[in-house]
Amino acid sequence: VESHMPKRIHTGIVLEINDQGFTMQRRDKNVIFVIVTPRTHILPPGVVSPKEEVVVFGEKNGGSITAFGVHRVGIENFHIFGTPMRHGMFIGQ
């Protein structure tokens, strides 16, 4: 599904958070760093948490994405781009 989306839309699960942004594991299991700036819009407003599913809108440059938007998606709502994701789908047990 990820490969069929526009290149500026990225989906995954938040792994870790720091003061620059967060790491996210994508559906293809690759981990990428998301840079969050004061100009990044986060919807719904709030704090992005580890294990949370997100859709990131932004430019990918190497191993990072500079986000202009982050959409925090509830587990029950994560089917806007195809197959629903289940909580923890990307994280190895």
C-alpha atoms as a PDB file:
ATOM      1  CA  VAL A   1       0.000   0.000   0.000  1.00  0.00           C
ATOM      2  CA  GLU A   2       2.825   2.427   0.892  1.00  0.00           C
ATOM      3  CA  SER A   3       4.243   2.240  -2.650  1.00  0.00           C
ATOM      4  CA  HIS A   4       0.891   3.294  -4.167  1.00  0.00           C
ATOM      5  CA  MET A   5       0.665   6.484  -2.123  1.00  0.00           C
ATOM      6  CA  PRO A   6       2.064   9.832  -3.228  1.00  0.00           C
ATOM      7  CA  LYS A   7       5.733  10.221  -2.280  1.00  0.00           C
ATOM      8  CA  ARG A   8       4.962  12.942   0.250  1.00  0.00           C
ATOM      9  CA  ILE A   9       2.627  10.735   2.328  1.00  0.00           C
ATOM     10  CA  HIS A  10       4.192   8.265   4.764  1.00  0.00           C
ATOM     11  CA  THR A  11       2.458   5.928   7.217  1.00  0.00           C
ATOM     12  CA  GLY A  12       3.734   3.985  10.186  1.00  0.00           C
ATOM     13  CA  ILE A  13       4.040   3.543  13.920  1.00  0.00           C
ATOM     14  CA  VAL A  14       5.973   5.890  16.197  1.00  0.00           C
ATOM     15  CA  LEU A  15       8.873   4.096  17.894  1.00  0.00           C
ATOM     16  CA  GLU A  16      10.764   6.784  19.847  1.00  0.00           C
ATOM     17  CA  ILE A  17      10.428  10.508  20.420  1.00  0.00           C
ATOM     18  CA  ASN A  18      13.109  13.130  21.002  1.00  0.00           C
ATOM     19  CA  ASP A  19      13.250  16.922  20.935  1.00  0.00           C
ATOM     20  CA  GLN A  20      13.880  16.982  17.146  1.00  0.00           C
ATOM     21  CA  GLY A  21      10.974  14.692  16.183  1.00  0.00           C
ATOM     22  CA  PHE A  22      10.439  10.927  16.211  1.00  0.00           C
ATOM     23  CA  THR A  23      11.429   7.659  14.598  1.00  0.00           C
ATOM     24  CA  MET A  24       8.710   5.819  12.738  1.00  0.00           C
ATOM     25  CA  GLN A  25       8.551   2.252  11.457  1.00  0.00           C
ATOM     26  CA  ARG A  26       6.835   2.109   8.076  1.00  0.00           C
ATOM     27  CA  ARG A  27       4.715  -0.702   6.642  1.00  0.00           C
ATOM     28  CA  ASP A  28       7.763  -1.991   4.753  1.00  0.00           C
ATOM     29  CA  LYS A  29       9.502  -2.303   8.177  1.00  0.00           C
ATOM     30  CA  ASN A  30      12.034   0.425   7.332  1.00  0.00           C
ATOM     31  CA  VAL A  31      12.651   2.933  10.115  1.00  0.00           C
ATOM     32  CA  ILE A  32      12.767   6.617   9.232  1.00  0.00           C
ATOM     33  CA  PHE A  33      13.287   9.765  11.299  1.00  0.00           C
ATOM     34  CA  VAL A  34      10.529  12.399  11.165  1.00  0.00           C
ATOM     35  CA  ILE A  35      11.700  15.968  11.778  1.00  0.00           C
ATOM     36  CA  VAL A  36       9.060  18.079  13.524  1.00  0.00           C
ATOM     37  CA  THR A  37       9.440  21.863  13.377  1.00  0.00           C
ATOM     38  CA  PRO A  38       7.402  24.730  14.842  1.00  0.00           C
ATOM     39  CA  ARG A  39       5.675  24.905  11.423  1.00  0.00           C
ATOM     40  CA  THR A  40       4.544  21.240  11.528  1.00  0.00           C
ATOM     41  CA  HIS A  41       0.779  20.852  11.967  1.00  0.00           C
ATOM     42  CA  ILE A  42      -0.226  17.956  14.240  1.00  0.00           C
ATOM     43  CA  LEU A  43      -3.854  16.813  14.085  1.00  0.00           C
ATOM     44  CA  PRO A  44      -5.684  16.125  16.222  1.00  0.00           C
ATOM     45  CA  PRO A  45      -3.677  18.472  18.458  1.00  0.00           C
ATOM     46  CA  GLY A  46      -1.741  16.759  21.195  1.00  0.00           C
ATOM     47  CA  VAL A  47       1.405  14.866  21.943  1.00  0.00           C
ATOM     48  CA  VAL A  48       2.524  12.120  19.563  1.00  0.00           C
ATOM     49  CA  SER A  49       3.221   8.967  21.592  1.00  0.00           C
ATOM     50  CA  PRO A  50       5.245   5.791  21.019  1.00  0.00           C
ATOM     51  CA  LYS A  51       3.231   2.946  19.408  1.00  0.00           C
ATOM     52  CA  GLU A  52       0.811   5.482  17.917  1.00  0.00           C
ATOM     53  CA  GLU A  53      -0.144   5.120  14.250  1.00  0.00           C
ATOM     54  CA  VAL A  54       0.486   8.243  12.201  1.00  0.00           C
ATOM     55  CA  VAL A  55       0.303   9.574   8.662  1.00  0.00           C
ATOM     56  CA  VAL A  56       3.148  11.993   7.949  1.00  0.00           C
ATOM     57  CA  PHE A  57       2.989  14.560   5.163  1.00  0.00           C
ATOM     58  CA  GLY A  58       6.393  15.837   4.093  1.00  0.00           C
ATOM     59  CA  GLU A  59       9.484  15.626   1.940  1.00  0.00           C
ATOM     60  CA  LYS A  60      11.702  12.567   2.309  1.00  0.00           C
ATOM     61  CA  ASN A  61      15.408  13.322   2.129  1.00  0.00           C
ATOM     62  CA  GLY A  62      17.634  10.292   2.680  1.00  0.00           C
ATOM     63  CA  GLY A  63      16.779   8.706   6.019  1.00  0.00           C
ATOM     64  CA  SER A  64      14.464  11.449   7.239  1.00  0.00           C
ATOM     65  CA  ILE A  65      11.232  13.277   6.470  1.00  0.00           C
ATOM     66  CA  THR A  66      10.712  16.955   7.223  1.00  0.00           C
ATOM     67  CA  ALA A  67       7.060  16.947   8.245  1.00  0.00           C
ATOM     68  CA  PHE A  68       4.696  19.737   7.346  1.00  0.00           C
ATOM     69  CA  GLY A  69       1.840  17.688   8.821  1.00  0.00           C
ATOM     70  CA  VAL A  70       1.313  14.718  11.132  1.00  0.00           C
ATOM     71  CA  HIS A  71      -2.092  13.083  11.408  1.00  0.00           C
ATOM     72  CA  ARG A  72      -2.519  11.014  14.583  1.00  0.00           C
ATOM     73  CA  VAL A  73      -4.755   8.110  13.651  1.00  0.00           C
ATOM     74  CA  GLY A  74      -6.801   5.962  16.017  1.00  0.00           C
ATOM     75  CA  ILE A  75      -6.395   2.195  15.676  1.00  0.00           C
ATOM     76  CA  GLU A  76     -10.003   1.768  14.617  1.00  0.00           C
ATOM     77  CA  ASN A  77      -9.688   4.496  11.973  1.00  0.00           C
ATOM     78  CA  PHE A  78      -6.463   3.459  10.248  1.00  0.00           C
ATOM     79  CA  HIS A  79      -7.978   2.189   7.031  1.00  0.00           C
ATOM     80  CA  ILE A  80      -7.971   5.352   4.968  1.00  0.00           C
ATOM     81  CA  PHE A  81      -5.230   3.991   2.694  1.00  0.00           C
ATOM     82  CA  GLY A  82      -6.319   0.359   2.427  1.00  0.00           C
ATOM     83  CA  THR A  83      -6.018  -2.532   4.823  1.00  0.00           C
ATOM     84  CA  PRO A  84      -6.511  -1.526   8.459  1.00  0.00           C
ATOM     85  CA  MET A  85      -3.354  -1.565  10.556  1.00  0.00           C
ATOM     86  CA  ARG A  86      -3.442  -3.219  13.942  1.00  0.00           C
ATOM     87  CA  HIS A  87      -1.688  -1.755  16.969  1.00  0.00           C
ATOM     88  CA  GLY A  88       1.845  -3.169  17.159  1.00  0.00           C
ATOM     89  CA  MET A  89       1.769  -4.535  13.600  1.00  0.00           C
ATOM     90  CA  PHE A  90       5.304  -3.321  12.870  1.00  0.00           C
ATOM     91  CA  ILE A  91       6.914  -3.914  16.228  1.00  0.00           C
ATOM     92  CA  GLY A  92       8.578  -7.291  16.673  1.00  0.00           C
ATOM     93  CA  GLN A  93       7.541  -9.288  19.702  1.00  0.00           C
END
